[in-house]
Amino acid sequence: VQLVESGGGLVQPGGSLRLSCVASGIAVNEYQMGWYRQAPGKERELVAHIVSNGYRTYADSVKGRFTISRDNAANTVSLEMNSLNAEDTAVYYCNAYRKNAHNRDIHYWGKGTAVTVSS
């Protein structure tokens, strides 16, 4: 299984970025797909996730600014980020999660893509 993120970079405050996560070895519509982030000196936190039926959940800090979406044909999950601010600076990780047949948690992670919001 591989999750490969792209789209990170340097953006000015108020700007936008679109992150993408291409999955191989799994079908994204069979997993809870999520974006997490980890800022320097902080713990990794959930940003948004989308479950198999399409239901989306967002962290309070990004509601109304970020949108998670899924393209089943391309086996890709994206994160559209608008109105970025310095507090959004972090490494963003793609995650795939589900329980296996033995009811054990299965997590797959990408290597991350860095987002820096700065003027």
N, C-alpha and C. Protein backbone atom coordinates (compact mmCIF):
# COMPACT_ATOMS: atom_id res chain seq x y z
N VAL A 1 0.85 -1.20 0.00
CA VAL A 1 0.00 0.00 0.00
C VAL A 1 0.88 1.24 0.00
N GLN A 2 0.54 2.18 -0.85
CA GLN A 2 1.25 3.46 -0.87
C GLN A 2 0.27 4.60 -0.93
N LEU A 3 0.56 5.62 -0.14
CA LEU A 3 -0.17 6.88 -0.20
C LEU A 3 0.86 7.95 -0.51
N VAL A 4 0.68 8.66 -1.61
CA VAL A 4 1.66 9.65 -2.02
C VAL A 4 0.99 11.02 -2.10
N GLU A 5 1.47 11.92 -1.23
CA GLU A 5 0.92 13.27 -1.18
C GLU A 5 1.69 14.20 -2.11
N SER A 6 1.00 15.22 -2.56
CA SER A 6 1.64 16.28 -3.35
C SER A 6 0.83 17.55 -3.18
N GLY A 7 1.43 18.66 -3.62
CA GLY A 7 0.71 19.93 -3.62
C GLY A 7 1.12 20.92 -2.55
N GLY A 8 1.99 20.50 -1.64
CA GLY A 8 2.43 21.42 -0.62
C GLY A 8 3.35 22.49 -1.17
N GLY A 9 3.66 23.46 -0.32
CA GLY A 9 4.56 24.52 -0.75
C GLY A 9 4.43 25.75 0.11
N LEU A 10 4.99 26.83 -0.37
CA LEU A 10 4.96 28.11 0.32
C LEU A 10 3.83 28.96 -0.26
N VAL A 11 3.00 29.51 0.63
CA VAL A 11 1.88 30.34 0.19
C VAL A 11 1.75 31.52 1.13
N GLN A 12 1.29 32.63 0.62
CA GLN A 12 1.09 33.81 1.45
C GLN A 12 -0.19 33.69 2.26
N PRO A 13 -0.25 34.38 3.39
CA PRO A 13 -1.50 34.39 4.17
C PRO A 13 -2.67 34.82 3.30
N GLY A 14 -3.79 34.11 3.47
CA GLY A 14 -4.95 34.38 2.65
C GLY A 14 -4.99 33.59 1.36
N GLY A 15 -3.91 32.92 1.04
CA GLY A 15 -3.83 32.17 -0.20
C GLY A 15 -4.46 30.79 -0.11
N SER A 16 -4.31 30.05 -1.19
CA SER A 16 -4.93 28.73 -1.30
C SER A 16 -3.93 27.71 -1.81
N LEU A 17 -4.16 26.48 -1.42
CA LEU A 17 -3.41 25.33 -1.94
C LEU A 17 -4.35 24.15 -2.05
N ARG A 18 -4.00 23.25 -2.96
CA ARG A 18 -4.75 22.01 -3.10
C ARG A 18 -3.78 20.85 -2.95
N LEU A 19 -4.02 20.04 -1.93
CA LEU A 19 -3.21 18.85 -1.70
C LEU A 19 -3.89 17.64 -2.32
N SER A 20 -3.09 16.73 -2.83
CA SER A 20 -3.64 15.49 -3.39
C SER A 20 -2.92 14.30 -2.78
N CYS A 21 -3.65 13.21 -2.68
CA CYS A 21 -3.11 11.95 -2.15
C CYS A 21 -3.53 10.85 -3.12
N VAL A 22 -2.56 10.26 -3.78
CA VAL A 22 -2.84 9.16 -4.70
C VAL A 22 -2.57 7.85 -3.97
N ALA A 23 -3.55 6.97 -3.97
CA ALA A 23 -3.43 5.70 -3.28
C ALA A 23 -3.20 4.56 -4.26
N SER A 24 -2.36 3.63 -3.86
CA SER A 24 -2.18 2.39 -4.61
C SER A 24 -2.21 1.23 -3.62
N GLY A 25 -2.80 0.13 -4.04
CA GLY A 25 -2.90 -1.04 -3.18
C GLY A 25 -4.17 -1.09 -2.36
N ILE A 26 -4.90 0.00 -2.33
CA ILE A 26 -6.21 0.04 -1.68
C ILE A 26 -7.15 0.85 -2.55
N ALA A 27 -8.43 0.71 -2.27
CA ALA A 27 -9.44 1.54 -2.93
C ALA A 27 -9.89 2.60 -1.94
N VAL A 28 -9.76 3.84 -2.29
CA VAL A 28 -10.03 4.92 -1.33
C VAL A 28 -11.48 4.93 -0.88
N ASN A 29 -12.38 4.40 -1.68
CA ASN A 29 -13.78 4.40 -1.28
C ASN A 29 -14.11 3.26 -0.31
N GLU A 30 -13.13 2.44 0.00
CA GLU A 30 -13.33 1.35 0.96
C GLU A 30 -12.69 1.67 2.31
N TYR A 31 -12.10 2.82 2.42
CA TYR A 31 -11.43 3.25 3.65
C TYR A 31 -11.96 4.61 4.09
N GLN A 32 -11.77 4.88 5.37
CA GLN A 32 -11.93 6.24 5.85
C GLN A 32 -10.65 6.94 5.50
N MET A 33 -10.74 7.94 4.60
CA MET A 33 -9.56 8.65 4.14
C MET A 33 -9.49 9.99 4.86
N GLY A 34 -8.31 10.31 5.33
CA GLY A 34 -8.18 11.54 6.09
C GLY A 34 -6.90 12.30 5.80
N TRP A 35 -6.93 13.56 6.18
CA TRP A 35 -5.74 14.40 6.17
C TRP A 35 -5.45 14.80 7.62
N TYR A 36 -4.22 14.61 8.00
CA TYR A 36 -3.73 15.03 9.30
C TYR A 36 -2.61 16.03 9.07
N ARG A 37 -2.28 16.75 10.11
CA ARG A 37 -1.14 17.68 10.02
C ARG A 37 -0.37 17.70 11.32
N GLN A 38 0.89 18.02 11.20
CA GLN A 38 1.74 18.14 12.37
C GLN A 38 2.60 19.38 12.21
N ALA A 39 2.37 20.32 13.10
CA ALA A 39 3.16 21.55 13.12
C ALA A 39 4.39 21.33 13.99
N PRO A 40 5.43 22.12 13.78
CA PRO A 40 6.65 21.98 14.58
C PRO A 40 6.35 22.06 16.07
N GLY A 41 6.81 21.08 16.81
CA GLY A 41 6.64 21.07 18.25
C GLY A 41 5.25 20.68 18.73
N LYS A 42 4.40 20.28 17.81
CA LYS A 42 3.04 19.90 18.19
C LYS A 42 2.74 18.47 17.77
N GLU A 43 1.66 17.93 18.35
CA GLU A 43 1.26 16.58 18.00
C GLU A 43 0.49 16.59 16.67
N ARG A 44 0.48 15.43 16.06
CA ARG A 44 -0.28 15.28 14.82
C ARG A 44 -1.77 15.41 15.14
N GLU A 45 -2.50 16.12 14.30
CA GLU A 45 -3.92 16.33 14.53
C GLU A 45 -4.73 16.06 13.25
N LEU A 46 -5.97 15.64 13.47
CA LEU A 46 -6.85 15.40 12.34
C LEU A 46 -7.30 16.73 11.75
N VAL A 47 -7.24 16.84 10.45
CA VAL A 47 -7.73 18.02 9.74
C VAL A 47 -9.12 17.75 9.17
N ALA A 48 -9.24 16.64 8.46
CA ALA A 48 -10.52 16.30 7.84
C ALA A 48 -10.50 14.84 7.46
N HIS A 49 -11.68 14.22 7.43
CA HIS A 49 -11.73 12.89 6.85
C HIS A 49 -13.06 12.69 6.14
N ILE A 50 -13.05 11.70 5.25
CA ILE A 50 -14.24 11.35 4.48
C ILE A 50 -14.39 9.84 4.55
N VAL A 51 -15.59 9.40 4.89
CA VAL A 51 -15.82 7.97 5.05
C VAL A 51 -16.41 7.39 3.77
N SER A 52 -16.63 6.09 3.79
CA SER A 52 -17.04 5.39 2.58
C SER A 52 -18.31 5.96 1.95
N ASN A 53 -19.26 6.36 2.81
CA ASN A 53 -20.53 6.86 2.26
C ASN A 53 -20.45 8.34 1.87
N GLY A 54 -19.27 8.93 2.00
CA GLY A 54 -19.08 10.31 1.58
C GLY A 54 -19.22 11.35 2.68
N TYR A 55 -19.58 10.91 3.87
CA TYR A 55 -19.74 11.86 4.99
C TYR A 55 -18.38 12.46 5.34
N ARG A 56 -18.37 13.77 5.54
CA ARG A 56 -17.11 14.49 5.81
C ARG A 56 -17.10 15.07 7.22
N THR A 57 -15.93 15.07 7.83
CA THR A 57 -15.74 15.67 9.14
C THR A 57 -14.53 16.59 9.07
N TYR A 58 -14.63 17.74 9.76
CA TYR A 58 -13.54 18.71 9.75
C TYR A 58 -13.19 19.14 11.17
N ALA A 59 -11.93 19.45 11.37
CA ALA A 59 -11.52 20.08 12.61
C ALA A 59 -12.14 21.47 12.66
N ASP A 60 -12.46 21.93 13.86
CA ASP A 60 -13.10 23.24 14.01
C ASP A 60 -12.24 24.34 13.40
N SER A 61 -10.93 24.19 13.50
CA SER A 61 -10.02 25.23 13.04
C SER A 61 -10.02 25.41 11.52
N VAL A 62 -10.54 24.43 10.78
CA VAL A 62 -10.51 24.54 9.32
C VAL A 62 -11.90 24.57 8.69
N LYS A 63 -12.93 24.44 9.51
CA LYS A 63 -14.30 24.45 8.96
C LYS A 63 -14.57 25.73 8.18
N GLY A 64 -15.15 25.55 7.02
CA GLY A 64 -15.46 26.70 6.18
C GLY A 64 -14.32 27.16 5.31
N ARG A 65 -13.12 26.63 5.56
CA ARG A 65 -11.94 27.02 4.77
C ARG A 65 -11.39 25.86 3.95
N PHE A 66 -11.47 24.66 4.50
CA PHE A 66 -10.91 23.47 3.84
C PHE A 66 -12.04 22.57 3.36
N THR A 67 -11.78 21.89 2.26
CA THR A 67 -12.74 20.93 1.73
C THR A 67 -12.02 19.66 1.33
N ILE A 68 -12.48 18.54 1.86
CA ILE A 68 -11.92 17.25 1.47
C ILE A 68 -12.82 16.63 0.41
N SER A 69 -12.19 15.99 -0.57
CA SER A 69 -12.97 15.35 -1.63
C SER A 69 -12.28 14.06 -2.05
N ARG A 70 -13.04 13.24 -2.73
CA ARG A 70 -12.53 11.93 -3.14
C ARG A 70 -12.90 11.67 -4.59
N ASP A 71 -11.95 11.15 -5.34
CA ASP A 71 -12.19 10.76 -6.73
C ASP A 71 -11.94 9.26 -6.82
N ASN A 72 -13.03 8.51 -6.85
CA ASN A 72 -12.89 7.05 -6.84
C ASN A 72 -12.21 6.53 -8.11
N ALA A 73 -12.50 7.14 -9.22
CA ALA A 73 -11.92 6.68 -10.49
C ALA A 73 -10.41 6.86 -10.50
N ALA A 74 -9.96 7.98 -9.94
CA ALA A 74 -8.53 8.26 -9.89
C ALA A 74 -7.88 7.70 -8.63
N ASN A 75 -8.72 7.15 -7.74
CA ASN A 75 -8.23 6.62 -6.45
C ASN A 75 -7.42 7.66 -5.68
N THR A 76 -8.00 8.83 -5.60
CA THR A 76 -7.32 10.00 -5.04
C THR A 76 -8.22 10.72 -4.05
N VAL A 77 -7.59 11.27 -3.04
CA VAL A 77 -8.27 12.13 -2.07
C VAL A 77 -7.55 13.48 -2.09
N SER A 78 -8.33 14.55 -2.08
CA SER A 78 -7.76 15.89 -2.15
C SER A 78 -8.21 16.73 -0.98
N LEU A 79 -7.43 17.76 -0.71
CA LEU A 79 -7.77 18.73 0.34
C LEU A 79 -7.59 20.11 -0.26
N GLU A 80 -8.70 20.80 -0.46
CA GLU A 80 -8.67 22.17 -0.94
C GLU A 80 -8.59 23.08 0.28
N MET A 81 -7.56 23.92 0.32
CA MET A 81 -7.34 24.78 1.48
C MET A 81 -7.38 26.23 1.05
N ASN A 82 -8.29 26.98 1.63
CA ASN A 82 -8.45 28.40 1.32
C ASN A 82 -8.24 29.24 2.57
N SER A 83 -8.04 30.52 2.36
CA SER A 83 -7.85 31.48 3.46
C SER A 83 -6.81 30.98 4.45
N LEU A 84 -5.70 30.57 3.92
CA LEU A 84 -4.65 30.00 4.77
C LEU A 84 -4.03 31.06 5.66
N ASN A 85 -3.66 30.63 6.85
CA ASN A 85 -2.97 31.51 7.79
C ASN A 85 -1.77 30.79 8.39
N ALA A 86 -1.01 31.52 9.15
CA ALA A 86 0.26 30.97 9.67
C ALA A 86 0.03 29.71 10.51
N GLU A 87 -1.11 29.64 11.17
CA GLU A 87 -1.41 28.48 12.01
C GLU A 87 -1.65 27.20 11.19
N ASP A 88 -1.79 27.34 9.90
CA ASP A 88 -1.96 26.17 9.03
C ASP A 88 -0.61 25.59 8.59
N THR A 89 0.47 26.24 8.93
CA THR A 89 1.79 25.74 8.58
C THR A 89 2.05 24.42 9.29
N ALA A 90 2.35 23.39 8.51
CA ALA A 90 2.54 22.06 9.06
C ALA A 90 2.93 21.11 7.93
N VAL A 91 3.30 19.92 8.32
CA VAL A 91 3.41 18.83 7.36
C VAL A 91 2.05 18.12 7.33
N TYR A 92 1.52 17.94 6.15
CA TYR A 92 0.19 17.33 5.99
C TYR A 92 0.36 15.90 5.51
N TYR A 93 -0.35 15.01 6.20
CA TYR A 93 -0.23 13.59 5.93
C TYR A 93 -1.58 13.01 5.48
N CYS A 94 -1.52 12.15 4.50
CA CYS A 94 -2.69 11.41 4.06
C CYS A 94 -2.77 10.11 4.86
N ASN A 95 -3.98 9.75 5.24
CA ASN A 95 -4.20 8.54 6.05
C ASN A 95 -5.35 7.73 5.49
N ALA A 96 -5.20 6.43 5.54
CA ALA A 96 -6.29 5.51 5.20
C ALA A 96 -6.52 4.61 6.40
N TYR A 97 -7.76 4.47 6.80
CA TYR A 97 -8.09 3.71 8.01
C TYR A 97 -9.32 2.84 7.80
N ARG A 98 -9.24 1.64 8.35
CA ARG A 98 -10.44 0.82 8.49
C ARG A 98 -10.12 -0.31 9.47
N LYS A 99 -11.12 -1.05 9.85
CA LYS A 99 -10.94 -2.23 10.70
C LYS A 99 -10.87 -3.46 9.80
N ASN A 100 -10.00 -4.40 10.16
CA ASN A 100 -9.91 -5.61 9.35
C ASN A 100 -10.94 -6.64 9.82
N ALA A 101 -10.86 -7.83 9.26
CA ALA A 101 -11.84 -8.88 9.56
C ALA A 101 -11.80 -9.30 11.03
N HIS A 102 -10.68 -9.01 11.70
CA HIS A 102 -10.55 -9.34 13.12
C HIS A 102 -10.84 -8.12 14.00
N ASN A 103 -11.44 -7.12 13.41
CA ASN A 103 -11.82 -5.90 14.13
C ASN A 103 -10.62 -5.13 14.67
N ARG A 104 -9.49 -5.29 14.01
CA ARG A 104 -8.30 -4.54 14.41
C ARG A 104 -8.15 -3.32 13.50
N ASP A 105 -7.62 -2.26 14.10
CA ASP A 105 -7.43 -1.03 13.34
C ASP A 105 -6.28 -1.18 12.35
N ILE A 106 -6.53 -0.75 11.15
CA ILE A 106 -5.50 -0.70 10.12
C ILE A 106 -5.33 0.74 9.70
N HIS A 107 -4.10 1.22 9.77
CA HIS A 107 -3.77 2.59 9.34
C HIS A 107 -2.64 2.53 8.33
N TYR A 108 -2.82 3.28 7.26
CA TYR A 108 -1.74 3.51 6.30
C TYR A 108 -1.49 5.01 6.24
N TRP A 109 -0.19 5.37 6.11
CA TRP A 109 0.19 6.78 6.11
C TRP A 109 1.07 7.10 4.91
N GLY A 110 0.89 8.30 4.40
CA GLY A 110 1.83 8.81 3.44
C GLY A 110 3.02 9.43 4.15
N LYS A 111 3.99 9.91 3.38
CA LYS A 111 5.19 10.50 3.97
C LYS A 111 5.03 11.97 4.26
N GLY A 112 3.97 12.57 3.77
CA GLY A 112 3.68 13.95 4.09
C GLY A 112 4.13 14.94 3.03
N THR A 113 3.46 16.09 3.05
CA THR A 113 3.84 17.21 2.18
C THR A 113 3.78 18.47 3.03
N ALA A 114 4.81 19.30 2.93
CA ALA A 114 4.94 20.46 3.80
C ALA A 114 4.20 21.66 3.23
N VAL A 115 3.48 22.32 4.12
CA VAL A 115 2.78 23.56 3.79
C VAL A 115 3.31 24.66 4.69
N THR A 116 3.77 25.73 4.09
CA THR A 116 4.26 26.88 4.85
C THR A 116 3.48 28.11 4.43
N VAL A 117 2.86 28.75 5.41
CA VAL A 117 2.10 29.97 5.14
C VAL A 117 2.89 31.13 5.73
N SER A 118 3.39 31.96 4.85
CA SER A 118 4.25 33.06 5.30
C SER A 118 4.30 34.14 4.23
N SER A 119 4.46 35.37 4.70
CA SER A 119 4.62 36.48 3.77
C SER A 119 6.10 36.76 3.52
